Amino acid sequence: MEENSAREVVDALRQRGVNAQMAKPGVYQFGVRVALPDGREAIWDSDGAAGLEAQVLRNGVLVGFMPVIEGSETYDRDQVVDAIARTDYDKPVARSSPKPAPVTAPLPPEGGVFRRFIDGFRYR
């Protein structure tokens, strides 16, 4: 996932009330980190593959995953946001929920007032 795409997806997820942050697992690698209520976290699309998939980690140890979503190579930003928000992480192999995710109160943007300082003024 490109840096600006990851930032847009994180912002859209936070508008839907999903606790998402940008994941930076390596040099020029970007993804979306979703904090789950039980202490786990899901890292979406940080490996540069074409399809949308996730790893579910607890304390840095792999405890589950979301396999590649069929047809996700052609998803636009809204479809990616919806797919991430609808994922059910209760089992080791996560799956997409058939019903839409409930929209909760929006979270503030990541970084707040100092966002452009933290990101080095790379965007407007």
Protein backbone atom coordinates (compact mmCIF):
# COMPACT_ATOMS: atom_id res chain seq x y z
CA MET A 1 0.00 0.00 0.00
CA GLU A 2 1.31 3.45 -0.81
CA GLU A 3 1.82 5.96 1.99
CA ASN A 4 -0.92 8.38 0.95
CA SER A 5 -3.38 5.54 0.32
CA ALA A 6 -2.69 4.13 3.78
CA ARG A 7 -3.18 7.58 5.33
CA GLU A 8 -6.53 8.04 3.53
CA VAL A 9 -7.75 4.59 4.61
CA VAL A 10 -6.74 5.27 8.23
CA ASP A 11 -8.56 8.62 8.19
CA ALA A 12 -11.71 7.04 6.73
CA LEU A 13 -11.64 4.21 9.28
CA ARG A 14 -11.23 6.67 12.16
CA GLN A 15 -14.25 8.60 10.80
CA ARG A 16 -16.22 5.34 11.18
CA GLY A 17 -15.01 4.88 14.76
CA VAL A 18 -12.43 2.17 14.04
CA ASN A 19 -9.22 2.58 16.05
CA ALA A 20 -6.81 2.54 13.09
CA GLN A 21 -3.27 3.87 12.74
CA MET A 22 -0.67 3.86 10.02
CA ALA A 23 1.65 0.88 10.20
CA LYS A 24 5.25 1.37 9.10
CA PRO A 25 6.83 -2.10 9.30
CA GLY A 26 9.86 -1.27 7.17
CA VAL A 27 11.50 1.27 4.93
CA TYR A 28 8.93 2.49 2.38
CA GLN A 29 6.41 -0.10 3.59
CA PHE A 30 3.05 1.16 4.79
CA GLY A 31 -0.14 -0.46 5.95
CA VAL A 32 -3.06 -0.05 8.31
CA ARG A 33 -2.93 -1.15 11.95
CA VAL A 34 -6.29 -1.81 13.62
CA ALA A 35 -6.21 -2.10 17.42
CA LEU A 36 -8.64 -4.77 18.60
CA PRO A 37 -10.37 -4.54 22.00
CA ASP A 38 -8.72 -7.65 23.50
CA GLY A 39 -5.12 -6.46 23.04
CA ARG A 40 -4.55 -7.91 19.59
CA GLU A 41 -3.86 -5.88 16.49
CA ALA A 42 -4.51 -6.50 12.82
CA ILE A 43 -1.91 -5.31 10.32
CA TRP A 44 -3.49 -4.84 6.90
CA ASP A 45 -1.57 -4.83 3.61
CA SER A 46 1.94 -4.06 4.80
CA ASP A 47 3.75 -6.53 2.53
CA GLY A 48 3.19 -4.84 -0.83
CA ALA A 49 1.10 -7.69 -2.29
CA ALA A 50 -1.69 -6.83 -4.71
CA GLY A 51 -4.57 -8.29 -2.68
CA LEU A 52 -5.94 -7.11 0.65
CA GLU A 53 -4.98 -9.37 3.56
CA ALA A 54 -4.10 -9.04 7.25
CA GLN A 55 -2.04 -10.56 10.02
CA VAL A 56 -3.48 -10.62 13.53
CA LEU A 57 -0.82 -10.26 16.22
CA ARG A 58 -0.71 -10.34 20.01
CA ASN A 59 2.52 -9.04 21.53
CA GLY A 60 4.22 -9.42 18.14
CA VAL A 61 3.25 -13.10 17.79
CA LEU A 62 1.01 -14.23 14.94
CA VAL A 63 -2.28 -15.51 16.38
CA GLY A 64 -4.48 -15.29 13.30
CA PHE A 65 -4.83 -13.92 9.81
CA MET A 66 -7.28 -12.75 7.20
CA PRO A 67 -6.64 -14.50 3.88
CA VAL A 68 -6.51 -12.48 0.68
CA ILE A 69 -9.95 -11.13 -0.16
CA GLU A 70 -10.97 -12.25 -3.65
CA GLY A 71 -11.06 -9.35 -6.11
CA SER A 72 -9.53 -6.88 -3.66
CA GLU A 73 -6.81 -5.94 -6.16
CA THR A 74 -9.35 -3.69 -7.86
CA TYR A 75 -10.95 -2.19 -4.73
CA ASP A 76 -11.16 1.56 -4.43
CA ARG A 77 -10.57 3.34 -1.11
CA ASP A 78 -14.19 3.06 0.07
CA GLN A 79 -14.29 -0.67 -0.62
CA VAL A 80 -11.01 -1.19 1.25
CA VAL A 81 -12.36 0.77 4.24
CA ASP A 82 -15.59 -1.25 4.22
CA ALA A 83 -13.72 -4.57 3.99
CA ILE A 84 -11.48 -3.70 6.93
CA ALA A 85 -14.37 -2.38 9.04
CA ARG A 86 -16.55 -5.47 8.40
CA THR A 87 -13.92 -8.05 9.33
CA ASP A 88 -14.73 -10.39 12.22
CA TYR A 89 -11.52 -11.29 14.10
CA ASP A 90 -13.04 -13.74 16.63
CA LYS A 91 -11.52 -16.89 15.08
CA PRO A 92 -7.89 -17.56 14.08
CA VAL A 93 -8.86 -17.31 10.41
CA ALA A 94 -10.75 -14.02 10.24
CA ARG A 95 -13.64 -13.57 7.85
CA SER A 96 -15.72 -10.77 6.43
CA SER A 97 -19.03 -10.27 8.18
CA PRO A 98 -22.04 -10.35 5.83
CA LYS A 99 -23.72 -7.48 7.66
CA PRO A 100 -22.39 -3.93 7.55
CA ALA A 101 -20.21 -2.76 10.42
CA PRO A 102 -21.91 -0.51 12.95
CA VAL A 103 -20.81 3.09 12.67
CA THR A 104 -19.72 4.47 16.02
CA ALA A 105 -18.59 7.91 17.10
CA PRO A 106 -15.68 9.17 15.00
CA LEU A 107 -12.21 9.22 16.50
CA PRO A 108 -9.95 12.28 16.17
CA PRO A 109 -7.46 12.23 13.28
CA GLU A 110 -4.20 10.51 14.05
CA GLY A 111 -1.52 13.04 15.02
CA GLY A 112 -3.96 15.86 15.73
CA VAL A 113 -2.60 19.38 15.36
CA PHE A 114 0.98 18.18 14.86
CA ARG A 115 0.15 15.72 12.09
CA ARG A 116 1.97 17.57 9.31
CA PHE A 117 5.04 18.06 11.54
CA ILE A 118 5.17 14.34 12.37
CA ASP A 119 4.84 13.35 8.71
CA GLY A 120 7.43 15.87 7.51
CA PHE A 121 5.10 18.13 5.42
CA ARG A 122 4.85 15.48 2.66
CA TYR A 123 1.23 16.26 1.82
CA ARG A 124 -1.38 18.98 2.08
